[in-house]
Amino acid sequence: MSMRQLKPHKGEGGGLAHALLSYRRAFVNAGIFSGVIAIAMLAPTIYMLQIYDRVLVSSNEDTMKTCCMTTNGRMRKARVAGLRFWKLGRS
């Protein structure tokens, strides 16, 4: 169901539809924030899978350093995105 279908017609009550449309931006922001948090929660799991699949088999320190830097970068990006949404919600 699209948002256009929720718009009340002239002459109808449509109180719920009007309330949902007025908070549309908040719902979108909450959805994006939830997605960022979900991705951030997957980063340690992906990190451990990479360590077990690549590093322990090959005993290569360069591979381990690359996995650590990549995971650290992903976590930093998620943290920055979370702070942006938090600041956006406060204004």
PDB file of N, CA and C in Angstrom:
ATOM      1  N   MET A   1       0.854  -1.167   0.000  1.00  0.00           N
ATOM      2  CA  MET A   1       0.000   0.000   0.000  1.00  0.00           C
ATOM      3  C   MET A   1       0.905   1.236   0.000  1.00  0.00           C
ATOM      4  N   SER A   2       0.685   2.093  -0.962  1.00  0.00           N
ATOM      5  CA  SER A   2       1.525   3.286  -1.033  1.00  0.00           C
ATOM      6  C   SER A   2       0.934   4.402  -0.181  1.00  0.00           C
ATOM      7  N   MET A   3       1.746   5.437   0.009  1.00  0.00           N
ATOM      8  CA  MET A   3       1.287   6.561   0.822  1.00  0.00           C
ATOM      9  C   MET A   3       0.167   7.340   0.125  1.00  0.00           C
ATOM     10  N   ARG A   4       0.136   7.275  -1.179  1.00  0.00           N
ATOM     11  CA  ARG A   4      -0.939   7.984  -1.893  1.00  0.00           C
ATOM     12  C   ARG A   4      -2.304   7.389  -1.575  1.00  0.00           C
ATOM     13  N   GLN A   5      -2.341   6.088  -1.347  1.00  0.00           N
ATOM     14  CA  GLN A   5      -3.603   5.439  -1.030  1.00  0.00           C
ATOM     15  C   GLN A   5      -4.084   5.804   0.365  1.00  0.00           C
ATOM     16  N   LEU A   6      -3.188   6.241   1.232  1.00  0.00           N
ATOM     17  CA  LEU A   6      -3.568   6.592   2.595  1.00  0.00           C
ATOM     18  C   LEU A   6      -4.121   8.006   2.715  1.00  0.00           C
ATOM     19  N   LYS A   7      -3.919   8.822   1.695  1.00  0.00           N
ATOM     20  CA  LYS A   7      -4.388  10.202   1.785  1.00  0.00           C
ATOM     21  C   LYS A   7      -5.917  10.221   1.845  1.00  0.00           C
ATOM     22  N   PRO A   8      -6.449  10.930   2.812  1.00  0.00           N
ATOM     23  CA  PRO A   8      -7.910  10.978   2.921  1.00  0.00           C
ATOM     24  C   PRO A   8      -8.513  11.825   1.807  1.00  0.00           C
ATOM     25  N   HIS A   9      -9.681  11.416   1.361  1.00  0.00           N
ATOM     26  CA  HIS A   9     -10.408  12.187   0.357  1.00  0.00           C
ATOM     27  C   HIS A   9     -11.106  13.357   1.040  1.00  0.00           C
ATOM     28  N   LYS A  10     -11.377  14.376   0.272  1.00  0.00           N
ATOM     29  CA  LYS A  10     -12.069  15.539   0.837  1.00  0.00           C
ATOM     30  C   LYS A  10     -13.449  15.110   1.325  1.00  0.00           C
ATOM     31  N   GLY A  11     -13.776  15.562   2.512  1.00  0.00           N
ATOM     32  CA  GLY A  11     -15.076  15.248   3.072  1.00  0.00           C
ATOM     33  C   GLY A  11     -15.070  14.023   3.970  1.00  0.00           C
ATOM     34  N   GLU A  12     -13.976  13.232   3.959  1.00  0.00           N
ATOM     35  CA  GLU A  12     -13.902  12.060   4.826  1.00  0.00           C
ATOM     36  C   GLU A  12     -13.078  12.395   6.057  1.00  0.00           C
ATOM     37  N   GLY A  13     -13.282  11.632   7.130  1.00  0.00           N
ATOM     38  CA  GLY A  13     -12.537  11.859   8.376  1.00  0.00           C
ATOM     39  C   GLY A  13     -11.046  11.657   8.174  1.00  0.00           C
ATOM     40  N   GLY A  14     -10.614  10.414   8.003  1.00  0.00           N
ATOM     41  CA  GLY A  14      -9.226  10.106   7.711  1.00  0.00           C
ATOM     42  C   GLY A  14      -8.238  10.539   8.777  1.00  0.00           C
ATOM     43  N   GLY A  15      -8.625  10.477  10.041  1.00  0.00           N
ATOM     44  CA  GLY A  15      -7.746  10.918  11.117  1.00  0.00           C
ATOM     45  C   GLY A  15      -6.477  10.087  11.223  1.00  0.00           C
ATOM     46  N   LEU A  16      -6.603   8.765  11.105  1.00  0.00           N
ATOM     47  CA  LEU A  16      -5.440   7.894  11.206  1.00  0.00           C
ATOM     48  C   LEU A  16      -4.506   8.102  10.027  1.00  0.00           C
ATOM     49  N   ALA A  17      -5.055   8.180   8.832  1.00  0.00           N
ATOM     50  CA  ALA A  17      -4.225   8.399   7.646  1.00  0.00           C
ATOM     51  C   ALA A  17      -3.490   9.727   7.737  1.00  0.00           C
ATOM     52  N   HIS A  18      -4.161  10.737   8.218  1.00  0.00           N
ATOM     53  CA  HIS A  18      -3.522  12.048   8.362  1.00  0.00           C
ATOM     54  C   HIS A  18      -2.395  11.988   9.395  1.00  0.00           C
ATOM     55  N   ALA A  19      -2.610  11.282  10.489  1.00  0.00           N
ATOM     56  CA  ALA A  19      -1.581  11.162  11.523  1.00  0.00           C
ATOM     57  C   ALA A  19      -0.366  10.399  11.002  1.00  0.00           C
ATOM     58  N   LEU A  20      -0.602   9.317  10.254  1.00  0.00           N
ATOM     59  CA  LEU A  20       0.511   8.552   9.689  1.00  0.00           C
ATOM     60  C   LEU A  20       1.315   9.387   8.705  1.00  0.00           C
ATOM     61  N   LEU A  21       0.639  10.140   7.882  1.00  0.00           N
ATOM     62  CA  LEU A  21       1.342  10.977   6.905  1.00  0.00           C
ATOM     63  C   LEU A  21       2.127  12.095   7.574  1.00  0.00           C
ATOM     64  N   SER A  22       1.626  12.604   8.677  1.00  0.00           N
ATOM     65  CA  SER A  22       2.333  13.695   9.343  1.00  0.00           C
ATOM     66  C   SER A  22       3.632  13.207  10.000  1.00  0.00           C
ATOM     67  N   TYR A  23       3.716  11.909  10.318  1.00  0.00           N
ATOM     68  CA  TYR A  23       4.927  11.343  10.926  1.00  0.00           C
ATOM     69  C   TYR A  23       5.738  10.520   9.936  1.00  0.00           C
ATOM     70  N   ARG A  24       5.529  10.736   8.660  1.00  0.00           N
ATOM     71  CA  ARG A  24       6.213   9.952   7.625  1.00  0.00           C
ATOM     72  C   ARG A  24       7.730  10.085   7.738  1.00  0.00           C
ATOM     73  N   ARG A  25       8.223  11.282   7.932  1.00  0.00           N
ATOM     74  CA  ARG A  25       9.675  11.498   8.021  1.00  0.00           C
ATOM     75  C   ARG A  25      10.262  10.745   9.213  1.00  0.00           C
ATOM     76  N   ALA A  26       9.561  10.745  10.322  1.00  0.00           N
ATOM     77  CA  ALA A  26      10.035  10.028  11.501  1.00  0.00           C
ATOM     78  C   ALA A  26      10.083   8.520  11.236  1.00  0.00           C
ATOM     79  N   PHE A  27       9.075   7.981  10.546  1.00  0.00           N
ATOM     80  CA  PHE A  27       9.074   6.557  10.223  1.00  0.00           C
ATOM     81  C   PHE A  27      10.228   6.200   9.299  1.00  0.00           C
ATOM     82  N   VAL A  28      10.499   7.041   8.307  1.00  0.00           N
ATOM     83  CA  VAL A  28      11.608   6.796   7.379  1.00  0.00           C
ATOM     84  C   VAL A  28      12.939   6.835   8.130  1.00  0.00           C
ATOM     85  N   ASN A  29      13.130   7.830   8.981  1.00  0.00           N
ATOM     86  CA  ASN A  29      14.366   7.925   9.757  1.00  0.00           C
ATOM     87  C   ASN A  29      14.542   6.723  10.679  1.00  0.00           C
ATOM     88  N   ALA A  30      13.467   6.289  11.300  1.00  0.00           N
ATOM     89  CA  ALA A  30      13.545   5.122  12.181  1.00  0.00           C
ATOM     90  C   ALA A  30      13.900   3.866  11.386  1.00  0.00           C
ATOM     91  N   GLY A  31      13.377   3.733  10.194  1.00  0.00           N
ATOM     92  CA  GLY A  31      13.700   2.585   9.348  1.00  0.00           C
ATOM     93  C   GLY A  31      15.153   2.574   8.916  1.00  0.00           C
ATOM     94  N   ILE A  32      15.669   3.739   8.528  1.00  0.00           N
ATOM     95  CA  ILE A  32      17.074   3.828   8.121  1.00  0.00           C
ATOM     96  C   ILE A  32      17.985   3.549   9.308  1.00  0.00           C
ATOM     97  N   PHE A  33      17.676   4.126  10.442  1.00  0.00           N
ATOM     98  CA  PHE A  33      18.476   3.899  11.644  1.00  0.00           C
ATOM     99  C   PHE A  33      18.474   2.421  12.020  1.00  0.00           C
ATOM    100  N   SER A  34      17.326   1.784  11.929  1.00  0.00           N
ATOM    101  CA  SER A  34      17.225   0.363  12.240  1.00  0.00           C
ATOM    102  C   SER A  34      18.080  -0.465  11.288  1.00  0.00           C
ATOM    103  N   GLY A  35      18.089  -0.101  10.006  1.00  0.00           N
ATOM    104  CA  GLY A  35      18.918  -0.806   9.031  1.00  0.00           C
ATOM    105  C   GLY A  35      20.400  -0.661   9.318  1.00  0.00           C
ATOM    106  N   VAL A  36      20.819   0.542   9.691  1.00  0.00           N
ATOM    107  CA  VAL A  36      22.236   0.776  10.021  1.00  0.00           C
ATOM    108  C   VAL A  36      22.632  -0.047  11.241  1.00  0.00           C
ATOM    109  N   ILE A  37      21.785  -0.085  12.244  1.00  0.00           N
ATOM    110  CA  ILE A  37      22.082  -0.861  13.445  1.00  0.00           C
ATOM    111  C   ILE A  37      22.150  -2.353  13.115  1.00  0.00           C
ATOM    112  N   ALA A  38      21.257  -2.830  12.262  1.00  0.00           N
ATOM    113  CA  ALA A  38      21.272  -4.248  11.880  1.00  0.00           C
ATOM    114  C   ALA A  38      22.571  -4.604  11.173  1.00  0.00           C
ATOM    115  N   ILE A  39      23.038  -3.735  10.288  1.00  0.00           N
ATOM    116  CA  ILE A  39      24.302  -3.979   9.590  1.00  0.00           C
ATOM    117  C   ILE A  39      25.468  -3.940  10.574  1.00  0.00           C
ATOM    118  N   ALA A  40      25.426  -3.002  11.512  1.00  0.00           N
ATOM    119  CA  ALA A  40      26.487  -2.924  12.517  1.00  0.00           C
ATOM    120  C   ALA A  40      26.521  -4.181  13.382  1.00  0.00           C
ATOM    121  N   MET A  41      25.375  -4.761  13.656  1.00  0.00           N
ATOM    122  CA  MET A  41      25.336  -5.977  14.459  1.00  0.00           C
ATOM    123  C   MET A  41      25.892  -7.181  13.699  1.00  0.00           C
ATOM    124  N   LEU A  42      25.865  -7.138  12.376  1.00  0.00           N
ATOM    125  CA  LEU A  42      26.402  -8.236  11.575  1.00  0.00           C
ATOM    126  C   LEU A  42      27.919  -8.173  11.422  1.00  0.00           C
ATOM    127  N   ALA A  43      28.528  -7.015  11.640  1.00  0.00           N
ATOM    128  CA  ALA A  43      29.961  -6.849  11.407  1.00  0.00           C
ATOM    129  C   ALA A  43      30.821  -7.821  12.222  1.00  0.00           C
ATOM    130  N   PRO A  44      30.593  -7.997  13.536  1.00  0.00           N
ATOM    131  CA  PRO A  44      31.427  -8.958  14.268  1.00  0.00           C
ATOM    132  C   PRO A  44      31.267 -10.396  13.787  1.00  0.00           C
ATOM    133  N   THR A  45      30.062 -10.764  13.389  1.00  0.00           N
ATOM    134  CA  THR A  45      29.829 -12.116  12.879  1.00  0.00           C
ATOM    135  C   THR A  45      30.586 -12.339  11.582  1.00  0.00           C
ATOM    136  N   ILE A  46      30.507 -11.374  10.676  1.00  0.00           N
ATOM    137  CA  ILE A  46      31.231 -11.486   9.415  1.00  0.00           C
ATOM    138  C   ILE A  46      32.735 -11.515   9.676  1.00  0.00           C
ATOM    139  N   TYR A  47      33.187 -10.718  10.630  1.00  0.00           N
ATOM    140  CA  TYR A  47      34.610 -10.697  10.999  1.00  0.00           C
ATOM    141  C   TYR A  47      35.072 -12.078  11.457  1.00  0.00           C
ATOM    142  N   MET A  48      34.322 -12.698  12.333  1.00  0.00           N
ATOM    143  CA  MET A  48      34.722 -14.011  12.833  1.00  0.00           C
ATOM    144  C   MET A  48      34.695 -15.067  11.734  1.00  0.00           C
ATOM    145  N   LEU A  49      33.723 -14.987  10.846  1.00  0.00           N
ATOM    146  CA  LEU A  49      33.700 -15.925   9.722  1.00  0.00           C
ATOM    147  C   LEU A  49      34.934 -15.748   8.841  1.00  0.00           C
ATOM    148  N   GLN A  50      35.321 -14.514   8.592  1.00  0.00           N
ATOM    149  CA  GLN A  50      36.506 -14.259   7.780  1.00  0.00           C
ATOM    150  C   GLN A  50      37.763 -14.785   8.474  1.00  0.00           C
ATOM    151  N   ILE A  51      37.857 -14.581   9.764  1.00  0.00           N
ATOM    152  CA  ILE A  51      39.028 -15.060  10.508  1.00  0.00           C
ATOM    153  C   ILE A  51      39.110 -16.579  10.427  1.00  0.00           C
ATOM    154  N   TYR A  52      38.013 -17.271  10.697  1.00  0.00           N
ATOM    155  CA  TYR A  52      38.039 -18.728  10.670  1.00  0.00           C
ATOM    156  C   TYR A  52      38.258 -19.278   9.269  1.00  0.00           C
ATOM    157  N   ASP A  53      37.668 -18.653   8.252  1.00  0.00           N
ATOM    158  CA  ASP A  53      37.790 -19.173   6.895  1.00  0.00           C
ATOM    159  C   ASP A  53      39.127 -18.865   6.250  1.00  0.00           C
ATOM    160  N   ARG A  54      39.700 -17.717   6.519  1.00  0.00           N
ATOM    161  CA  ARG A  54      40.890 -17.295   5.789  1.00  0.00           C
ATOM    162  C   ARG A  54      42.164 -17.318   6.613  1.00  0.00           C
ATOM    163  N   VAL A  55      42.122 -16.761   7.789  1.00  0.00           N
ATOM    164  CA  VAL A  55      43.357 -16.557   8.554  1.00  0.00           C
ATOM    165  C   VAL A  55      43.844 -17.845   9.197  1.00  0.00           C
ATOM    166  N   LEU A  56      42.971 -18.581   9.840  1.00  0.00           N
ATOM    167  CA  LEU A  56      43.412 -19.793  10.531  1.00  0.00           C
ATOM    168  C   LEU A  56      43.909 -20.858   9.563  1.00  0.00           C
ATOM    169  N   VAL A  57      43.356 -20.901   8.375  1.00  0.00           N
ATOM    170  CA  VAL A  57      43.787 -21.891   7.389  1.00  0.00           C
ATOM    171  C   VAL A  57      45.161 -21.526   6.828  1.00  0.00           C
ATOM    172  N   SER A  58      45.343 -20.261   6.493  1.00  0.00           N
ATOM    173  CA  SER A  58      46.589 -19.850   5.836  1.00  0.00           C
ATOM    174  C   SER A  58      47.667 -19.378   6.805  1.00  0.00           C
ATOM    175  N   SER A  59      47.305 -19.059   8.037  1.00  0.00           N
ATOM    176  CA  SER A  59      48.236 -18.502   9.037  1.00  0.00           C
ATOM    177  C   SER A  59      48.942 -17.256   8.509  1.00  0.00           C
ATOM    178  N   ASN A  60      48.206 -16.440   7.780  1.00  0.00           N
ATOM    179  CA  ASN A  60      48.769 -15.246   7.151  1.00  0.00           C
ATOM    180  C   ASN A  60      48.386 -14.018   7.984  1.00  0.00           C
ATOM    181  N   GLU A  61      49.374 -13.310   8.488  1.00  0.00           N
ATOM    182  CA  GLU A  61      49.120 -12.127   9.306  1.00  0.00           C
ATOM    183  C   GLU A  61      48.567 -10.965   8.489  1.00  0.00           C
ATOM    184  N   ASP A  62      48.972 -10.851   7.233  1.00  0.00           N
ATOM    185  CA  ASP A  62      48.455  -9.759   6.388  1.00  0.00           C
ATOM    186  C   ASP A  62      46.949  -9.881   6.179  1.00  0.00           C
ATOM    187  N   THR A  63      46.483 -11.108   6.005  1.00  0.00           N
ATOM    188  CA  THR A  63      45.041 -11.321   5.850  1.00  0.00           C
ATOM    189  C   THR A  63      44.308 -10.922   7.121  1.00  0.00           C
ATOM    190  N   MET A  64      44.876 -11.248   8.269  1.00  0.00           N
ATOM    191  CA  MET A  64      44.244 -10.888   9.533  1.00  0.00           C
ATOM    192  C   MET A  64      44.201  -9.374   9.715  1.00  0.00           C
ATOM    193  N   LYS A  65      45.283  -8.688   9.370  1.00  0.00           N
ATOM    194  CA  LYS A  65      45.308  -7.227   9.478  1.00  0.00           C
ATOM    195  C   LYS A  65      44.262  -6.603   8.565  1.00  0.00           C
ATOM    196  N   THR A  66      44.140  -7.128   7.342  1.00  0.00           N
ATOM    197  CA  THR A  66      43.149  -6.598   6.399  1.00  0.00           C
ATOM    198  C   THR A  66      41.734  -6.800   6.921  1.00  0.00           C
ATOM    199  N   CYS A  67      41.450  -7.984   7.459  1.00  0.00           N
ATOM    200  CA  CYS A  67      40.113  -8.249   8.018  1.00  0.00           C
ATOM    201  C   CYS A  67      39.821  -7.318   9.189  1.00  0.00           C
ATOM    202  N   CYS A  68      40.814  -7.099  10.044  1.00  0.00           N
ATOM    203  CA  CYS A  68      40.620  -6.223  11.200  1.00  0.00           C
ATOM    204  C   CYS A  68      40.357  -4.782  10.766  1.00  0.00           C
ATOM    205  N   MET A  69      41.122  -4.288   9.799  1.00  0.00           N
ATOM    206  CA  MET A  69      40.933  -2.903   9.334  1.00  0.00           C
ATOM    207  C   MET A  69      39.594  -2.726   8.640  1.00  0.00           C
ATOM    208  N   THR A  70      39.184  -3.721   7.861  1.00  0.00           N
ATOM    209  CA  THR A  70      37.901  -3.633   7.158  1.00  0.00           C
ATOM    210  C   THR A  70      36.737  -3.605   8.156  1.00  0.00           C
ATOM    211  N   THR A  71      36.770  -4.488   9.139  1.00  0.00           N
ATOM    212  CA  THR A  71      35.700  -4.522  10.142  1.00  0.00           C
ATOM    213  C   THR A  71      35.682  -3.247  10.964  1.00  0.00           C
ATOM    214  N   ASN A  72      36.869  -2.761  11.331  1.00  0.00           N
ATOM    215  CA  ASN A  72      36.952  -1.522  12.087  1.00  0.00           C
ATOM    216  C   ASN A  72      36.363  -0.356  11.282  1.00  0.00           C
ATOM    217  N   GLY A  73      36.636  -0.315   9.994  1.00  0.00           N
ATOM    218  CA  GLY A  73      36.082   0.737   9.139  1.00  0.00           C
ATOM    219  C   GLY A  73      34.569   0.667   9.046  1.00  0.00           C
ATOM    220  N   ARG A  74      34.040  -0.546   8.939  1.00  0.00           N
ATOM    221  CA  ARG A  74      32.578  -0.703   8.879  1.00  0.00           C
ATOM    222  C   ARG A  74      31.921  -0.254  10.173  1.00  0.00           C
ATOM    223  N   MET A  75      32.529  -0.602  11.288  1.00  0.00           N
ATOM    224  CA  MET A  75      31.964  -0.201  12.576  1.00  0.00           C
ATOM    225  C   MET A  75      32.021   1.316  12.748  1.00  0.00           C
ATOM    226  N   ARG A  76      33.091   1.939  12.293  1.00  0.00           N
ATOM    227  CA  ARG A  76      33.185   3.402  12.378  1.00  0.00           C
ATOM    228  C   ARG A  76      32.121   4.077  11.523  1.00  0.00           C
ATOM    229  N   LYS A  77      31.905   3.560  10.316  1.00  0.00           N
ATOM    230  CA  LYS A  77      30.871   4.128   9.448  1.00  0.00           C
ATOM    231  C   LYS A  77      29.494   3.999  10.077  1.00  0.00           C
ATOM    232  N   ALA A  78      29.217   2.853  10.685  1.00  0.00           N
ATOM    233  CA  ALA A  78      27.921   2.659  11.340  1.00  0.00           C
ATOM    234  C   ALA A  78      27.769   3.602  12.526  1.00  0.00           C
ATOM    235  N   ARG A  79      28.850   3.807  13.262  1.00  0.00           N
ATOM    236  CA  ARG A  79      28.796   4.706  14.420  1.00  0.00           C
ATOM    237  C   ARG A  79      28.537   6.138  13.966  1.00  0.00           C
ATOM    238  N   VAL A  80      29.215   6.565  12.898  1.00  0.00           N
ATOM    239  CA  VAL A  80      29.022   7.928  12.386  1.00  0.00           C
ATOM    240  C   VAL A  80      27.596   8.101  11.873  1.00  0.00           C
ATOM    241  N   ALA A  81      27.089   7.100  11.168  1.00  0.00           N
ATOM    242  CA  ALA A  81      25.711   7.188  10.668  1.00  0.00           C
ATOM    243  C   ALA A  81      24.718   7.258  11.827  1.00  0.00           C
ATOM    244  N   GLY A  82      24.953   6.481  12.879  1.00  0.00           N
ATOM    245  CA  GLY A  82      24.073   6.527  14.045  1.00  0.00           C
ATOM    246  C   GLY A  82      24.096   7.886  14.717  1.00  0.00           C
ATOM    247  N   LEU A  83      25.276   8.486  14.816  1.00  0.00           N
ATOM    248  CA  LEU A  83      25.368   9.824  15.418  1.00  0.00           C
ATOM    249  C   LEU A  83      24.664  10.872  14.568  1.00  0.00           C
ATOM    250  N   ARG A  84      24.766  10.734  13.253  1.00  0.00           N
ATOM    251  CA  ARG A  84      24.069  11.681  12.366  1.00  0.00           C
ATOM    252  C   ARG A  84      22.566  11.618  12.575  1.00  0.00           C
ATOM    253  N   PHE A  85      22.022  10.400  12.637  1.00  0.00           N
ATOM    254  CA  PHE A  85      20.580  10.256  12.837  1.00  0.00           C
ATOM    255  C   PHE A  85      20.168  10.743  14.217  1.00  0.00           C
ATOM    256  N   TRP A  86      21.016  10.518  15.215  1.00  0.00           N
ATOM    257  CA  TRP A  86      20.714  10.994  16.564  1.00  0.00           C
ATOM    258  C   TRP A  86      20.663  12.511  16.582  1.00  0.00           C
ATOM    259  N   LYS A  87      21.639  13.170  15.936  1.00  0.00           N
ATOM    260  CA  LYS A  87      21.639  14.630  15.883  1.00  0.00           C
ATOM    261  C   LYS A  87      20.460  15.145  15.078  1.00  0.00           C
ATOM    262  N   LEU A  88      20.113  14.427  14.009  1.00  0.00           N
ATOM    263  CA  LEU A  88      18.971  14.827  13.184  1.00  0.00           C
ATOM    264  C   LEU A  88      17.678  14.763  13.995  1.00  0.00           C
ATOM    265  N   GLY A  89      17.565  13.770  14.842  1.00  0.00           N
ATOM    266  CA  GLY A  89      16.362  13.636  15.664  1.00  0.00           C
ATOM    267  C   GLY A  89      16.258  14.675  16.756  1.00  0.00           C
ATOM    268  N   ARG A  90      17.397  15.201  17.186  1.00  0.00           N
ATOM    269  CA  ARG A  90      17.377  16.206  18.264  1.00  0.00           C
ATOM    270  C   ARG A  90      17.023  17.590  17.746  1.00  0.00           C
ATOM    271  N   SER A  91      17.208  17.827  16.457  1.00  0.00           N
ATOM    272  CA  SER A  91      16.936  19.180  15.924  1.00  0.00           C
ATOM    273  C   SER A  91      15.501  19.341  15.490  1.00  0.00           C
TER     274      SER A  91
END
